[in-house]
Amino acid sequence: MAEALVDRPDAELFRAVETDLRDAAHDLATAAQQVAADGRKKGAIPDPASSVPTANPTPASTPTARAAF
């Protein structure tokens, strides 16, 4: 982009160069959005999630001991 601005005469800076730079910026933004969208597509997870072992059963409750007074 900088080279395009440096290489053009002053009379052309706000005409063709402006539209060329805008088009280049739009193309860059489109490419970046496409890469991001490709990364979020459904089924993009490489491996299925691992299963979690089941929890141990809850122990039976017992009455609490009486405190000695």
Protein backbone atom coordinates (compact mmCIF):
# COMPACT_ATOMS: atom_id res chain seq x y z
CA MET A 1 0.00 0.00 0.00
CA ALA A 2 2.81 2.39 0.87
CA GLU A 3 4.53 1.68 -2.44
CA ALA A 4 1.34 2.48 -4.32
CA LEU A 5 1.14 5.85 -2.59
CA VAL A 6 4.81 6.69 -3.13
CA ASP A 7 4.86 5.71 -6.80
CA ARG A 8 1.86 7.79 -7.87
CA PRO A 9 1.90 11.50 -8.67
CA ASP A 10 0.04 13.82 -6.29
CA ALA A 11 -2.79 14.36 -8.79
CA GLU A 12 -3.68 10.64 -8.68
CA LEU A 13 -3.50 10.07 -4.93
CA PHE A 14 -7.22 10.45 -4.31
CA ARG A 15 -8.61 8.86 -7.44
CA ALA A 16 -7.49 5.51 -8.79
CA VAL A 17 -5.05 4.85 -5.95
CA GLU A 18 -7.77 5.36 -3.38
CA THR A 19 -10.03 2.78 -4.99
CA ASP A 20 -7.12 0.38 -5.57
CA LEU A 21 -6.10 0.57 -1.91
CA ARG A 22 -9.70 0.22 -0.73
CA ASP A 23 -10.15 -2.87 -2.92
CA ALA A 24 -6.90 -4.36 -1.59
CA ALA A 25 -8.01 -3.73 2.00
CA HIS A 26 -11.39 -5.34 1.33
CA ASP A 27 -9.70 -8.38 -0.22
CA LEU A 28 -7.43 -8.71 2.81
CA ALA A 29 -10.36 -8.44 5.22
CA THR A 30 -12.36 -10.99 3.22
CA ALA A 31 -9.46 -13.46 3.29
CA ALA A 32 -9.03 -13.01 7.05
CA GLN A 33 -12.74 -13.53 7.70
CA GLN A 34 -12.76 -16.65 5.53
CA VAL A 35 -9.84 -18.16 7.44
CA ALA A 36 -11.63 -17.46 10.73
CA ALA A 37 -14.89 -18.94 9.41
CA ASP A 38 -13.11 -22.07 8.18
CA GLY A 39 -11.72 -22.59 11.67
CA ARG A 40 -15.20 -22.40 13.22
CA LYS A 41 -17.02 -24.73 10.86
CA LYS A 42 -18.98 -27.57 12.41
CA GLY A 43 -17.04 -30.78 12.63
CA ALA A 44 -13.73 -29.00 12.96
CA ILE A 45 -12.89 -30.95 16.13
CA PRO A 46 -10.10 -33.37 15.14
CA ASP A 47 -10.82 -36.05 17.77
CA PRO A 48 -13.97 -36.93 19.70
CA ALA A 49 -14.03 -35.91 23.34
CA SER A 50 -12.74 -38.51 25.76
CA SER A 51 -15.21 -40.11 28.11
CA VAL A 52 -15.08 -39.38 31.81
CA PRO A 53 -14.99 -42.22 34.34
CA THR A 54 -18.07 -42.52 36.50
CA ALA A 55 -17.99 -41.12 40.01
CA ASN A 56 -17.78 -43.38 43.05
CA PRO A 57 -21.09 -43.94 44.83
CA THR A 58 -21.85 -41.65 47.75
CA PRO A 59 -20.91 -43.32 51.03
CA ALA A 60 -23.72 -44.12 53.43
CA SER A 61 -24.30 -41.46 56.04
CA THR A 62 -23.55 -42.27 59.66
CA PRO A 63 -24.78 -40.52 62.77
CA THR A 64 -22.28 -38.09 64.21
CA ALA A 65 -20.65 -38.89 67.50
CA ARG A 66 -21.90 -37.05 70.54
CA ALA A 67 -19.50 -34.63 72.01
CA ALA A 68 -18.49 -35.18 75.62
CA PHE A 69 -19.43 -32.28 77.90
